[in-house]
Amino acid sequence: MVDEGAVVVAGARSETAAITELVEGGRVVFVPVDFSDPAGPARLVDAAVDSLGGLDVLVNNVGAVTVRNEGSSRSPTKSGSRPSTSASSRH
């Protein structure tokens, strides 16, 4: 989307090195947001509207991975969970 001229608002719990690189390119705005919080998606949309003046496209790509160590007495742990949603606007 960025390659086609869109400005993208990316939301995730934390900013990764890949997101930082895109932000530094000037066409991506990062918004820290926790999508397990029911108010999280609205915060991301509000940030997109506030920073870009509108919202043209919304891509919802939220997911989580649960890693299980079979045979272990430990409880399953969450790992690699990086929920993200992108919003873009051509400006």
PDB file of N, CA and C in Angstrom:
ATOM      1  N   MET A   1       0.819  -1.181   0.000  1.00  0.00           N
ATOM      2  CA  MET A   1       0.000   0.000   0.000  1.00  0.00           C
ATOM      3  C   MET A   1       0.872   1.258   0.000  1.00  0.00           C
ATOM      4  N   VAL A   2       1.952   1.207   0.763  1.00  0.00           N
ATOM      5  CA  VAL A   2       2.870   2.344   0.811  1.00  0.00           C
ATOM      6  C   VAL A   2       3.482   2.573  -0.566  1.00  0.00           C
ATOM      7  N   ASP A   3       3.838   1.492  -1.247  1.00  0.00           N
ATOM      8  CA  ASP A   3       4.442   1.602  -2.574  1.00  0.00           C
ATOM      9  C   ASP A   3       3.494   2.254  -3.587  1.00  0.00           C
ATOM     10  N   GLU A   4       2.200   2.173  -3.324  1.00  0.00           N
ATOM     11  CA  GLU A   4       1.202   2.764  -4.214  1.00  0.00           C
ATOM     12  C   GLU A   4       0.830   4.188  -3.801  1.00  0.00           C
ATOM     13  N   GLY A   5       1.505   4.732  -2.780  1.00  0.00           N
ATOM     14  CA  GLY A   5       1.276   6.118  -2.387  1.00  0.00           C
ATOM     15  C   GLY A   5       0.418   6.318  -1.149  1.00  0.00           C
ATOM     16  N   ALA A   6       0.005   5.244  -0.516  1.00  0.00           N
ATOM     17  CA  ALA A   6      -0.827   5.371   0.689  1.00  0.00           C
ATOM     18  C   ALA A   6       0.030   5.714   1.904  1.00  0.00           C
ATOM     19  N   VAL A   7      -0.571   6.446   2.822  1.00  0.00           N
ATOM     20  CA  VAL A   7       0.009   6.631   4.151  1.00  0.00           C
ATOM     21  C   VAL A   7      -0.679   5.597   5.027  1.00  0.00           C
ATOM     22  N   VAL A   8       0.095   4.810   5.745  1.00  0.00           N
ATOM     23  CA  VAL A   8      -0.448   3.695   6.523  1.00  0.00           C
ATOM     24  C   VAL A   8      -0.304   3.972   8.004  1.00  0.00           C
ATOM     25  N   VAL A   9      -1.372   3.696   8.740  1.00  0.00           N
ATOM     26  CA  VAL A   9      -1.329   3.735  10.199  1.00  0.00           C
ATOM     27  C   VAL A   9      -1.291   2.285  10.649  1.00  0.00           C
ATOM     28  N   ALA A  10      -0.223   1.903  11.345  1.00  0.00           N
ATOM     29  CA  ALA A  10      -0.052   0.528  11.797  1.00  0.00           C
ATOM     30  C   ALA A  10      -0.171   0.478  13.307  1.00  0.00           C
ATOM     31  N   GLY A  11      -0.972  -0.433  13.801  1.00  0.00           N
ATOM     32  CA  GLY A  11      -1.147  -0.582  15.240  1.00  0.00           C
ATOM     33  C   GLY A  11      -0.683  -1.939  15.712  1.00  0.00           C
ATOM     34  N   ALA A  12       0.013  -1.940  16.833  1.00  0.00           N
ATOM     35  CA  ALA A  12       0.476  -3.179  17.463  1.00  0.00           C
ATOM     36  C   ALA A  12       0.818  -2.853  18.915  1.00  0.00           C
ATOM     37  N   ARG A  13       1.028  -3.895  19.706  1.00  0.00           N
ATOM     38  CA  ARG A  13       1.384  -3.667  21.115  1.00  0.00           C
ATOM     39  C   ARG A  13       2.690  -2.931  21.274  1.00  0.00           C
ATOM     40  N   SER A  14       3.655  -3.260  20.423  1.00  0.00           N
ATOM     41  CA  SER A  14       4.960  -2.598  20.523  1.00  0.00           C
ATOM     42  C   SER A  14       5.513  -2.381  19.118  1.00  0.00           C
ATOM     43  N   GLU A  15       6.366  -1.399  19.006  1.00  0.00           N
ATOM     44  CA  GLU A  15       6.967  -1.068  17.724  1.00  0.00           C
ATOM     45  C   GLU A  15       8.172  -1.969  17.484  1.00  0.00           C
ATOM     46  N   THR A  16       8.136  -2.705  16.406  1.00  0.00           N
ATOM     47  CA  THR A  16       9.239  -3.597  16.041  1.00  0.00           C
ATOM     48  C   THR A  16      10.252  -2.846  15.179  1.00  0.00           C
ATOM     49  N   ALA A  17      11.386  -3.458  14.956  1.00  0.00           N
ATOM     50  CA  ALA A  17      12.406  -2.852  14.105  1.00  0.00           C
ATOM     51  C   ALA A  17      11.872  -2.630  12.690  1.00  0.00           C
ATOM     52  N   ALA A  18      11.076  -3.561  12.196  1.00  0.00           N
ATOM     53  CA  ALA A  18      10.507  -3.423  10.849  1.00  0.00           C
ATOM     54  C   ALA A  18       9.552  -2.234  10.783  1.00  0.00           C
ATOM     55  N   ILE A  19       8.719  -2.069  11.809  1.00  0.00           N
ATOM     56  CA  ILE A  19       7.804  -0.925  11.837  1.00  0.00           C
ATOM     57  C   ILE A  19       8.591   0.368  11.945  1.00  0.00           C
ATOM     58  N   THR A  20       9.616   0.399  12.794  1.00  0.00           N
ATOM     59  CA  THR A  20      10.443   1.598  12.945  1.00  0.00           C
ATOM     60  C   THR A  20      11.045   2.006  11.610  1.00  0.00           C
ATOM     61  N   GLU A  21      11.529   1.046  10.848  1.00  0.00           N
ATOM     62  CA  GLU A  21      12.115   1.329   9.538  1.00  0.00           C
ATOM     63  C   GLU A  21      11.072   1.958   8.606  1.00  0.00           C
ATOM     64  N   LEU A  22       9.859   1.439   8.629  1.00  0.00           N
ATOM     65  CA  LEU A  22       8.795   1.997   7.791  1.00  0.00           C
ATOM     66  C   LEU A  22       8.391   3.393   8.252  1.00  0.00           C
ATOM     67  N   VAL A  23       8.327   3.591   9.574  1.00  0.00           N
ATOM     68  CA  VAL A  23       7.984   4.906  10.120  1.00  0.00           C
ATOM     69  C   VAL A  23       9.029   5.933   9.689  1.00  0.00           C
ATOM     70  N   GLU A  24      10.286   5.550   9.748  1.00  0.00           N
ATOM     71  CA  GLU A  24      11.365   6.461   9.367  1.00  0.00           C
ATOM     72  C   GLU A  24      11.299   6.825   7.889  1.00  0.00           C
ATOM     73  N   GLY A  25      10.656   5.993   7.081  1.00  0.00           N
ATOM     74  CA  GLY A  25      10.468   6.286   5.666  1.00  0.00           C
ATOM     75  C   GLY A  25       9.415   7.357   5.422  1.00  0.00           C
ATOM     76  N   GLY A  26       8.660   7.696   6.463  1.00  0.00           N
ATOM     77  CA  GLY A  26       7.722   8.804   6.380  1.00  0.00           C
ATOM     78  C   GLY A  26       6.333   8.494   5.876  1.00  0.00           C
ATOM     79  N   ARG A  27       6.028   7.262   5.509  1.00  0.00           N
ATOM     80  CA  ARG A  27       4.701   6.944   4.978  1.00  0.00           C
ATOM     81  C   ARG A  27       3.906   6.049   5.915  1.00  0.00           C
ATOM     82  N   VAL A  28       4.460   5.766   7.102  1.00  0.00           N
ATOM     83  CA  VAL A  28       3.781   4.918   8.079  1.00  0.00           C
ATOM     84  C   VAL A  28       3.759   5.631   9.419  1.00  0.00           C
ATOM     85  N   VAL A  29       2.587   5.621  10.049  1.00  0.00           N
ATOM     86  CA  VAL A  29       2.409   6.163  11.395  1.00  0.00           C
ATOM     87  C   VAL A  29       2.146   4.969  12.308  1.00  0.00           C
ATOM     88  N   PHE A  30       2.897   4.872  13.398  1.00  0.00           N
ATOM     89  CA  PHE A  30       2.699   3.764  14.338  1.00  0.00           C
ATOM     90  C   PHE A  30       1.850   4.226  15.509  1.00  0.00           C
ATOM     91  N   VAL A  31       0.882   3.393  15.897  1.00  0.00           N
ATOM     92  CA  VAL A  31       0.036   3.654  17.061  1.00  0.00           C
ATOM     93  C   VAL A  31       0.136   2.440  17.979  1.00  0.00           C
ATOM     94  N   PRO A  32       0.661   2.628  19.201  1.00  0.00           N
ATOM     95  CA  PRO A  32       0.682   1.501  20.136  1.00  0.00           C
ATOM     96  C   PRO A  32      -0.749   1.211  20.603  1.00  0.00           C
ATOM     97  N   VAL A  33      -1.180  -0.027  20.442  1.00  0.00           N
ATOM     98  CA  VAL A  33      -2.549  -0.395  20.800  1.00  0.00           C
ATOM     99  C   VAL A  33      -2.599  -1.881  21.131  1.00  0.00           C
ATOM    100  N   ASP A  34      -3.426  -2.209  22.101  1.00  0.00           N
ATOM    101  CA  ASP A  34      -3.621  -3.604  22.503  1.00  0.00           C
ATOM    102  C   ASP A  34      -5.001  -4.032  22.013  1.00  0.00           C
ATOM    103  N   PHE A  35      -5.046  -4.913  21.032  1.00  0.00           N
ATOM    104  CA  PHE A  35      -6.320  -5.326  20.455  1.00  0.00           C
ATOM    105  C   PHE A  35      -7.076  -6.328  21.317  1.00  0.00           C
ATOM    106  N   SER A  36      -6.466  -6.774  22.412  1.00  0.00           N
ATOM    107  CA  SER A  36      -7.228  -7.616  23.339  1.00  0.00           C
ATOM    108  C   SER A  36      -8.091  -6.745  24.246  1.00  0.00           C
ATOM    109  N   ASP A  37      -7.836  -5.440  24.252  1.00  0.00           N
ATOM    110  CA  ASP A  37      -8.668  -4.470  24.961  1.00  0.00           C
ATOM    111  C   ASP A  37      -9.813  -4.092  24.027  1.00  0.00           C
ATOM    112  N   PRO A  38     -11.067  -4.230  24.446  1.00  0.00           N
ATOM    113  CA  PRO A  38     -12.195  -3.910  23.565  1.00  0.00           C
ATOM    114  C   PRO A  38     -12.158  -2.488  22.990  1.00  0.00           C
ATOM    115  N   ALA A  39     -11.512  -1.560  23.673  1.00  0.00           N
ATOM    116  CA  ALA A  39     -11.429  -0.183  23.171  1.00  0.00           C
ATOM    117  C   ALA A  39     -10.258   0.014  22.203  1.00  0.00           C
ATOM    118  N   GLY A  40      -9.398  -0.982  22.058  1.00  0.00           N
ATOM    119  CA  GLY A  40      -8.216  -0.867  21.216  1.00  0.00           C
ATOM    120  C   GLY A  40      -8.497  -0.510  19.767  1.00  0.00           C
ATOM    121  N   PRO A  41      -9.382  -1.234  19.082  1.00  0.00           N
ATOM    122  CA  PRO A  41      -9.641  -0.902  17.680  1.00  0.00           C
ATOM    123  C   PRO A  41     -10.147   0.532  17.480  1.00  0.00           C
ATOM    124  N   ALA A  42     -10.999   1.003  18.353  1.00  0.00           N
ATOM    125  CA  ALA A  42     -11.503   2.381  18.238  1.00  0.00           C
ATOM    126  C   ALA A  42     -10.373   3.386  18.415  1.00  0.00           C
ATOM    127  N   ARG A  43      -9.432   3.090  19.320  1.00  0.00           N
ATOM    128  CA  ARG A  43      -8.282   3.990  19.499  1.00  0.00           C
ATOM    129  C   ARG A  43      -7.450   4.085  18.223  1.00  0.00           C
ATOM    130  N   LEU A  44      -7.272   2.958  17.538  1.00  0.00           N
ATOM    131  CA  LEU A  44      -6.501   2.972  16.303  1.00  0.00           C
ATOM    132  C   LEU A  44      -7.220   3.782  15.219  1.00  0.00           C
ATOM    133  N   VAL A  45      -8.510   3.558  15.063  1.00  0.00           N
ATOM    134  CA  VAL A  45      -9.275   4.314  14.061  1.00  0.00           C
ATOM    135  C   VAL A  45      -9.258   5.801  14.399  1.00  0.00           C
ATOM    136  N   ASP A  46      -9.449   6.144  15.668  1.00  0.00           N
ATOM    137  CA  ASP A  46      -9.409   7.558  16.077  1.00  0.00           C
ATOM    138  C   ASP A  46      -8.061   8.182  15.749  1.00  0.00           C
ATOM    139  N   ALA A  47      -6.987   7.454  15.992  1.00  0.00           N
ATOM    140  CA  ALA A  47      -5.648   7.972  15.699  1.00  0.00           C
ATOM    141  C   ALA A  47      -5.470   8.181  14.201  1.00  0.00           C
ATOM    142  N   ALA A  48      -5.990   7.261  13.392  1.00  0.00           N
ATOM    143  CA  ALA A  48      -5.888   7.401  11.935  1.00  0.00           C
ATOM    144  C   ALA A  48      -6.655   8.627  11.461  1.00  0.00           C
ATOM    145  N   VAL A  49      -7.854   8.807  11.957  1.00  0.00           N
ATOM    146  CA  VAL A  49      -8.671   9.958  11.561  1.00  0.00           C
ATOM    147  C   VAL A  49      -8.026  11.249  12.042  1.00  0.00           C
ATOM    148  N   ASP A  50      -7.528  11.259  13.272  1.00  0.00           N
ATOM    149  CA  ASP A  50      -6.882  12.465  13.812  1.00  0.00           C
ATOM    150  C   ASP A  50      -5.623  12.833  13.036  1.00  0.00           C
ATOM    151  N   SER A  51      -4.801  11.845  12.682  1.00  0.00           N
ATOM    152  CA  SER A  51      -3.527  12.160  12.037  1.00  0.00           C
ATOM    153  C   SER A  51      -3.639  12.342  10.523  1.00  0.00           C
ATOM    154  N   LEU A  52      -4.624  11.694   9.890  1.00  0.00           N
ATOM    155  CA  LEU A  52      -4.734  11.751   8.438  1.00  0.00           C
ATOM    156  C   LEU A  52      -5.974  12.492   7.945  1.00  0.00           C
ATOM    157  N   GLY A  53      -6.890  12.781   8.851  1.00  0.00           N
ATOM    158  CA  GLY A  53      -8.102  13.484   8.453  1.00  0.00           C
ATOM    159  C   GLY A  53      -9.178  12.593   7.871  1.00  0.00           C
ATOM    160  N   GLY A  54      -8.967  11.312   7.855  1.00  0.00           N
ATOM    161  CA  GLY A  54      -9.960  10.386   7.329  1.00  0.00           C
ATOM    162  C   GLY A  54      -9.391   8.990   7.227  1.00  0.00           C
ATOM    163  N   LEU A  55     -10.226   8.093   6.786  1.00  0.00           N
ATOM    164  CA  LEU A  55      -9.850   6.687   6.678  1.00  0.00           C
ATOM    165  C   LEU A  55     -10.477   6.140   5.407  1.00  0.00           C
ATOM    166  N   ASP A  56      -9.654   5.630   4.507  1.00  0.00           N
ATOM    167  CA  ASP A  56     -10.153   5.105   3.238  1.00  0.00           C
ATOM    168  C   ASP A  56     -10.247   3.580   3.216  1.00  0.00           C
ATOM    169  N   VAL A  57      -9.286   2.909   3.846  1.00  0.00           N
ATOM    170  CA  VAL A  57      -9.222   1.448   3.821  1.00  0.00           C
ATOM    171  C   VAL A  57      -8.833   0.964   5.205  1.00  0.00           C
ATOM    172  N   LEU A  58      -9.440  -0.132   5.647  1.00  0.00           N
ATOM    173  CA  LEU A  58      -9.063  -0.748   6.916  1.00  0.00           C
ATOM    174  C   LEU A  58      -8.738  -2.209   6.655  1.00  0.00           C
ATOM    175  N   VAL A  59      -7.548  -2.635   7.065  1.00  0.00           N
ATOM    176  CA  VAL A  59      -7.135  -4.033   6.949  1.00  0.00           C
ATOM    177  C   VAL A  59      -6.984  -4.568   8.357  1.00  0.00           C
ATOM    178  N   ASN A  60      -7.779  -5.569   8.693  1.00  0.00           N
ATOM    179  CA  ASN A  60      -7.738  -6.166  10.019  1.00  0.00           C
ATOM    180  C   ASN A  60      -6.946  -7.457   9.930  1.00  0.00           C
ATOM    181  N   ASN A  61      -5.798  -7.485  10.606  1.00  0.00           N
ATOM    182  CA  ASN A  61      -4.926  -8.656  10.582  1.00  0.00           C
ATOM    183  C   ASN A  61      -4.464  -8.945  12.008  1.00  0.00           C
ATOM    184  N   VAL A  62      -5.391  -9.345  12.837  1.00  0.00           N
ATOM    185  CA  VAL A  62      -5.086  -9.601  14.245  1.00  0.00           C
ATOM    186  C   VAL A  62      -4.995 -11.103  14.445  1.00  0.00           C
ATOM    187  N   GLY A  63      -3.952 -11.535  15.128  1.00  0.00           N
ATOM    188  CA  GLY A  63      -3.803 -12.958  15.380  1.00  0.00           C
ATOM    189  C   GLY A  63      -2.926 -13.208  16.581  1.00  0.00           C
ATOM    190  N   ALA A  64      -3.001 -14.389  17.088  1.00  0.00           N
ATOM    191  CA  ALA A  64      -2.178 -14.776  18.228  1.00  0.00           C
ATOM    192  C   ALA A  64      -1.778 -16.230  18.046  1.00  0.00           C
ATOM    193  N   VAL A  65      -0.655 -16.576  18.605  1.00  0.00           N
ATOM    194  CA  VAL A  65      -0.149 -17.938  18.528  1.00  0.00           C
ATOM    195  C   VAL A  65       0.058 -18.444  19.942  1.00  0.00           C
ATOM    196  N   THR A  66      -0.426 -19.618  20.219  1.00  0.00           N
ATOM    197  CA  THR A  66      -0.187 -20.237  21.514  1.00  0.00           C
ATOM    198  C   THR A  66       0.790 -21.385  21.303  1.00  0.00           C
ATOM    199  N   VAL A  67       1.909 -21.319  21.981  1.00  0.00           N
ATOM    200  CA  VAL A  67       2.931 -22.356  21.873  1.00  0.00           C
ATOM    201  C   VAL A  67       2.720 -23.329  23.020  1.00  0.00           C
ATOM    202  N   ARG A  68       2.666 -24.598  22.703  1.00  0.00           N
ATOM    203  CA  ARG A  68       2.466 -25.621  23.730  1.00  0.00           C
ATOM    204  C   ARG A  68       3.667 -26.553  23.744  1.00  0.00           C
ATOM    205  N   ASN A  69       4.159 -26.806  24.924  1.00  0.00           N
ATOM    206  CA  ASN A  69       5.261 -27.727  25.094  1.00  0.00           C
ATOM    207  C   ASN A  69       4.662 -29.040  25.584  1.00  0.00           C
ATOM    208  N   GLU A  70       4.369 -29.927  24.661  1.00  0.00           N
ATOM    209  CA  GLU A  70       3.739 -31.201  25.003  1.00  0.00           C
ATOM    210  C   GLU A  70       4.577 -31.977  26.014  1.00  0.00           C
ATOM    211  N   GLY A  71       3.936 -32.499  27.016  1.00  0.00           N
ATOM    212  CA  GLY A  71       4.610 -33.289  28.018  1.00  0.00           C
ATOM    213  C   GLY A  71       5.201 -32.467  29.150  1.00  0.00           C
ATOM    214  N   SER A  72       5.096 -31.179  29.064  1.00  0.00           N
ATOM    215  CA  SER A  72       5.627 -30.309  30.101  1.00  0.00           C
ATOM    216  C   SER A  72       4.567 -30.094  31.172  1.00  0.00           C
ATOM    217  N   SER A  73       5.001 -29.885  32.404  1.00  0.00           N
ATOM    218  CA  SER A  73       4.060 -29.612  33.480  1.00  0.00           C
ATOM    219  C   SER A  73       3.681 -28.134  33.527  1.00  0.00           C
ATOM    220  N   ARG A  74       4.337 -27.335  32.698  1.00  0.00           N
ATOM    221  CA  ARG A  74       4.041 -25.910  32.672  1.00  0.00           C
ATOM    222  C   ARG A  74       2.775 -25.651  31.865  1.00  0.00           C
ATOM    223  N   SER A  75       2.123 -24.555  32.190  1.00  0.00           N
ATOM    224  CA  SER A  75       0.948 -24.136  31.436  1.00  0.00           C
ATOM    225  C   SER A  75       1.379 -23.621  30.074  1.00  0.00           C
ATOM    226  N   PRO A  76       0.476 -23.681  29.079  1.00  0.00           N
ATOM    227  CA  PRO A  76       0.811 -23.119  27.771  1.00  0.00           C
ATOM    228  C   PRO A  76       1.107 -21.627  27.901  1.00  0.00           C
ATOM    229  N   THR A  77       2.021 -21.158  27.087  1.00  0.00           N
ATOM    230  CA  THR A  77       2.374 -19.741  27.108  1.00  0.00           C
ATOM    231  C   THR A  77       2.080 -19.125  25.758  1.00  0.00           C
ATOM    232  N   LYS A  78       1.795 -17.846  25.775  1.00  0.00           N
ATOM    233  CA  LYS A  78       1.615 -17.124  24.520  1.00  0.00           C
ATOM    234  C   LYS A  78       2.976 -16.630  24.070  1.00  0.00           C
ATOM    235  N   SER A  79       3.246 -16.807  22.809  1.00  0.00           N
ATOM    236  CA  SER A  79       4.510 -16.359  22.249  1.00  0.00           C
ATOM    237  C   SER A  79       4.283 -15.930  20.820  1.00  0.00           C
ATOM    238  N   GLY A  80       4.986 -14.911  20.405  1.00  0.00           N
ATOM    239  CA  GLY A  80       4.873 -14.480  19.033  1.00  0.00           C
ATOM    240  C   GLY A  80       3.592 -13.747  18.727  1.00  0.00           C
ATOM    241  N   SER A  81       2.853 -13.360  19.731  1.00  0.00           N
ATOM    242  CA  SER A  81       1.598 -12.670  19.507  1.00  0.00           C
ATOM    243  C   SER A  81       1.870 -11.215  19.146  1.00  0.00           C
ATOM    244  N   ARG A  82       1.627 -10.849  17.936  1.00  0.00           N
ATOM    245  CA  ARG A  82       1.864  -9.487  17.456  1.00  0.00           C
ATOM    246  C   ARG A  82       0.645  -9.012  16.671  1.00  0.00           C
ATOM    247  N   PRO A  83      -0.483  -8.760  17.353  1.00  0.00           N
ATOM    248  CA  PRO A  83      -1.652  -8.290  16.633  1.00  0.00           C
ATOM    249  C   PRO A  83      -1.351  -6.969  15.916  1.00  0.00           C
ATOM    250  N   SER A  84      -1.893  -6.839  14.745  1.00  0.00           N
ATOM    251  CA  SER A  84      -1.699  -5.585  14.022  1.00  0.00           C
ATOM    252  C   SER A  84      -2.878  -5.309  13.119  1.00  0.00           C
ATOM    253  N   THR A  85      -3.153  -4.063  12.952  1.00  0.00           N
ATOM    254  CA  THR A  85      -4.173  -3.608  12.028  1.00  0.00           C
ATOM    255  C   THR A  85      -3.600  -2.406  11.315  1.00  0.00           C
ATOM    256  N   SER A  86      -3.898  -2.264  10.057  1.00  0.00           N
ATOM    257  CA  SER A  86      -3.408  -1.132   9.287  1.00  0.00           C
ATOM    258  C   SER A  86      -4.571  -0.344   8.742  1.00  0.00           C
ATOM    259  N   ALA A  87      -4.393   0.944   8.701  1.00  0.00           N
ATOM    260  CA  ALA A  87      -5.365   1.829   8.073  1.00  0.00           C
ATOM    261  C   ALA A  87      -4.574   2.721   7.132  1.00  0.00           C
ATOM    262  N   SER A  88      -5.172   3.065   6.020  1.00  0.00           N
ATOM    263  CA  SER A  88      -4.417   3.904   5.093  1.00  0.00           C
ATOM    264  C   SER A  88      -5.281   4.991   4.495  1.00  0.00           C
ATOM    265  N   SER A  89      -4.605   5.998   4.028  1.00  0.00           N
ATOM    266  CA  SER A  89      -5.258   7.117   3.370  1.00  0.00           C
ATOM    267  C   SER A  89      -4.295   7.676   2.336  1.00  0.00           C
ATOM    268  N   ARG A  90      -4.795   8.024   1.193  1.00  0.00           N
ATOM    269  CA  ARG A  90      -3.946   8.632   0.155  1.00  0.00           C
ATOM    270  C   ARG A  90      -3.997  10.135   0.343  1.00  0.00           C
ATOM    271  N   HIS A  91      -2.869  10.704   0.772  1.00  0.00           N
ATOM    272  CA  HIS A  91      -2.776  12.159   0.947  1.00  0.00           C
ATOM    273  C   HIS A  91      -1.530  12.681   0.312  1.00  0.00           C
TER     274      HIS A  91
END
